């Protein structure tokens, strides 16, 4: 996934242009500002997080259900795998910028922890409250419909949180500098 085009509204302070030139000229030199948080940026950050979460979530649900694990064990497995895959996708992008593994891990933890946590709480709550969803089995439309619905609800509820985090220079805003190869 190419992230180079979704941050174009926030220029590199060393290369101001157009409207941003006036904005930066009135600020102290070297002051770093969080990017302007648009709904599109928040949705993209949430979708990025949701991709990793969905891979882990689906894998956990499939493994747990196929292995006949209890609902609690299946949820724990799903949450653990959602964090693993969520962090891994962010780290992949940051590692491409040429930073070390530890730095990439720190960036991923800062970028995704709150988002994944909210997403997993919402996602698993929906799966647990839809009657019969956890016990439906992998061949059941109810299982897959509930899982898809839970991911959609998680996306809708997590996007405003990501917008708020990005506007404060947190969440996916911390990955901004790495997507541009700085």
Protein backbone atom coordinates (compact mmCIF):
# COMPACT_ATOMS: atom_id res chain seq x y z
CA UNK A 1 0.00 0.00 0.00
CA UNK A 2 1.46 3.35 -1.01
CA UNK A 3 0.99 5.99 1.67
CA UNK A 4 2.86 8.75 -0.14
CA UNK A 5 -0.24 10.42 -1.53
CA UNK A 6 -2.47 10.71 1.54
CA UNK A 7 -0.20 13.04 3.47
CA UNK A 8 0.30 15.62 0.74
CA UNK A 9 -1.62 18.24 2.73
CA UNK A 10 1.14 18.31 5.34
CA UNK A 11 4.33 19.52 3.66
CA UNK A 12 7.84 18.93 4.88
CA UNK A 13 8.67 22.11 6.89
CA UNK A 14 11.94 22.27 4.95
CA UNK A 15 10.03 22.52 1.68
CA UNK A 16 6.99 24.75 2.26
CA UNK A 17 4.89 25.71 -0.73
CA UNK A 18 1.79 27.73 -1.55
CA UNK A 19 -0.59 28.33 1.36
CA UNK A 20 1.61 26.41 3.78
CA UNK A 21 4.53 28.82 3.17
CA UNK A 22 2.59 31.65 4.81
CA UNK A 23 1.49 29.38 7.65
CA UNK A 24 5.03 28.21 8.44
CA UNK A 25 6.59 31.64 8.07
CA UNK A 26 4.74 32.87 11.15
CA UNK A 27 5.86 29.98 13.37
CA UNK A 28 9.11 29.47 15.24
CA UNK A 29 11.73 27.66 13.18
CA UNK A 30 11.98 23.94 13.79
CA UNK A 31 8.59 23.64 15.49
CA UNK A 32 6.96 20.36 14.47
CA UNK A 33 3.18 20.28 14.09
CA UNK A 34 0.85 17.33 13.82
CA UNK A 35 -0.72 16.85 10.40
CA UNK A 36 -4.14 18.31 9.73
CA UNK A 37 -6.42 15.40 10.53
CA UNK A 38 -8.95 14.92 7.78
CA UNK A 39 -11.68 12.29 7.78
CA UNK A 40 -9.97 10.72 4.75
CA UNK A 41 -6.70 10.37 6.68
CA UNK A 42 -8.56 8.93 9.67
CA UNK A 43 -10.46 6.49 7.47
CA UNK A 44 -7.24 5.40 5.75
CA UNK A 45 -5.47 4.90 9.09
CA UNK A 46 -8.46 2.94 10.37
CA UNK A 47 -8.62 0.85 7.21
CA UNK A 48 -4.89 0.11 7.52
CA UNK A 49 -5.38 -0.96 11.12
CA UNK A 50 -8.53 -2.89 10.24
CA UNK A 51 -6.65 -4.87 7.60
CA UNK A 52 -4.19 -6.24 10.15
CA UNK A 53 -6.91 -6.70 12.74
CA UNK A 54 -9.18 -8.51 10.29
CA UNK A 55 -6.43 -10.93 9.24
CA UNK A 56 -5.70 -11.78 12.88
CA UNK A 57 -9.34 -11.74 13.90
CA UNK A 58 -10.49 -14.05 11.11
CA UNK A 59 -7.51 -16.37 11.59
CA UNK A 60 -8.16 -16.53 15.34
CA UNK A 61 -11.88 -17.18 14.88
CA UNK A 62 -11.19 -19.85 12.24
CA UNK A 63 -8.51 -21.60 14.31
CA UNK A 64 -10.51 -21.35 17.54
CA UNK A 65 -13.74 -22.54 15.94
CA UNK A 66 -12.08 -25.34 13.95
CA UNK A 67 -10.18 -26.53 17.03
CA UNK A 68 -13.33 -26.46 19.17
CA UNK A 69 -11.87 -23.94 21.61
CA UNK A 70 -14.16 -22.22 24.09
CA UNK A 71 -15.52 -18.79 23.17
CA UNK A 72 -13.15 -17.18 25.67
CA UNK A 73 -10.10 -18.97 24.25
CA UNK A 74 -11.16 -18.13 20.69
CA UNK A 75 -11.53 -14.44 21.57
CA UNK A 76 -8.13 -14.38 23.30
CA UNK A 77 -6.52 -16.02 20.26
CA UNK A 78 -8.27 -13.60 17.88
CA UNK A 79 -7.21 -10.55 19.87
CA UNK A 80 -3.61 -11.74 20.13
CA UNK A 81 -3.40 -12.42 16.40
CA UNK A 82 -5.10 -9.10 15.59
CA UNK A 83 -2.39 -7.24 17.50
CA UNK A 84 0.37 -9.30 15.87
CA UNK A 85 -0.91 -8.70 12.33
CA UNK A 86 -1.87 -5.07 13.02
CA UNK A 87 1.62 -4.24 14.29
CA UNK A 88 3.27 -6.31 11.54
CA UNK A 89 1.58 -4.36 8.74
CA UNK A 90 2.64 -1.02 10.23
CA UNK A 91 6.17 -2.28 10.88
CA UNK A 92 6.45 -3.47 7.29
CA UNK A 93 5.87 0.05 6.00
CA UNK A 94 8.20 1.63 8.55
CA UNK A 95 10.98 -0.93 7.97
CA UNK A 96 10.84 -0.04 4.25
CA UNK A 97 11.97 3.46 5.26
CA UNK A 98 15.24 1.90 6.40
CA UNK A 99 14.90 2.11 10.18
CA UNK A 100 15.89 -0.68 12.57
CA UNK A 101 13.54 -3.32 13.94
CA UNK A 102 13.33 -1.76 17.45
CA UNK A 103 12.47 1.67 16.06
CA UNK A 104 9.87 0.12 13.74
CA UNK A 105 8.34 -1.77 16.68
CA UNK A 106 8.17 1.42 18.80
CA UNK A 107 6.50 3.29 15.92
CA UNK A 108 3.99 0.46 15.41
CA UNK A 109 3.17 0.33 19.13
CA UNK A 110 2.63 4.10 19.20
CA UNK A 111 0.66 4.15 15.95
CA UNK A 112 -1.67 1.23 16.45
CA UNK A 113 -2.18 0.24 20.08
CA UNK A 114 -5.20 2.45 20.85
CA UNK A 115 -6.79 1.80 17.47
CA UNK A 116 -6.37 -1.99 17.65
CA UNK A 117 -7.57 -2.07 21.26
CA UNK A 118 -10.81 -0.20 20.47
CA UNK A 119 -11.32 -2.22 17.31
CA UNK A 120 -10.89 -5.52 19.14
CA UNK A 121 -13.21 -4.56 22.01
CA UNK A 122 -15.94 -3.56 19.55
CA UNK A 123 -15.32 -6.44 17.17
CA UNK A 124 -15.37 -9.19 19.79
CA UNK A 125 -18.29 -7.65 21.67
CA UNK A 126 -20.36 -7.78 18.49
CA UNK A 127 -19.34 -11.41 17.88
CA UNK A 128 -20.28 -12.34 21.44
CA UNK A 129 -23.65 -10.54 21.50
CA UNK A 130 -24.96 -11.76 18.12
CA UNK A 131 -26.99 -14.81 19.18
CA UNK A 132 -25.27 -18.01 18.05
CA UNK A 133 -22.47 -16.30 16.08
CA UNK A 134 -19.61 -17.82 18.06
CA UNK A 135 -21.17 -21.29 17.97
CA UNK A 136 -22.35 -21.16 14.35
CA UNK A 137 -19.31 -22.84 12.84
CA UNK A 138 -17.22 -21.94 9.82
CA UNK A 139 -19.71 -23.26 7.29
CA UNK A 140 -22.47 -20.99 8.62
CA UNK A 141 -23.48 -17.73 6.98
CA UNK A 142 -24.29 -16.42 10.49
CA UNK A 143 -20.64 -16.75 11.59
CA UNK A 144 -19.29 -14.90 8.53
CA UNK A 145 -22.06 -12.27 8.48
CA UNK A 146 -21.53 -11.52 12.18
CA UNK A 147 -17.75 -11.33 11.67
CA UNK A 148 -18.09 -8.99 8.66
CA UNK A 149 -20.63 -6.87 10.57
CA UNK A 150 -18.39 -6.71 13.62
CA UNK A 151 -15.48 -5.45 11.49
CA UNK A 152 -17.71 -2.81 9.88
CA UNK A 153 -18.95 -1.58 13.29
CA UNK A 154 -15.34 -1.51 14.54
CA UNK A 155 -14.31 0.59 11.51
CA UNK A 156 -17.13 3.10 12.03
CA UNK A 157 -16.42 3.51 15.75
CA UNK A 158 -12.62 3.61 15.47
CA UNK A 159 -12.34 6.18 12.65
CA UNK A 160 -13.29 9.20 14.86
CA UNK A 161 -10.76 8.04 17.47
CA UNK A 162 -8.04 7.87 14.82
CA UNK A 163 -8.99 11.35 13.56
CA UNK A 164 -8.63 12.69 17.09
CA UNK A 165 -5.28 10.92 17.60
CA UNK A 166 -3.85 12.12 14.27
CA UNK A 167 -4.90 15.71 15.03
CA UNK A 168 -2.76 15.51 18.17
CA UNK A 169 0.26 14.03 16.40
CA UNK A 170 -0.43 10.57 17.82
CA UNK A 171 -1.70 7.30 16.38
CA UNK A 172 -0.91 6.94 12.70
CA UNK A 173 0.54 10.48 12.65
CA UNK A 174 3.76 9.00 14.07
CA UNK A 175 4.22 6.94 10.90
CA UNK A 176 4.00 10.02 8.66
CA UNK A 177 7.72 10.74 8.53
CA UNK A 178 8.54 7.14 7.67
CA UNK A 179 6.14 6.94 4.75
CA UNK A 180 8.03 9.73 3.07
CA UNK A 181 11.42 8.10 3.60
CA UNK A 182 12.79 10.75 5.99
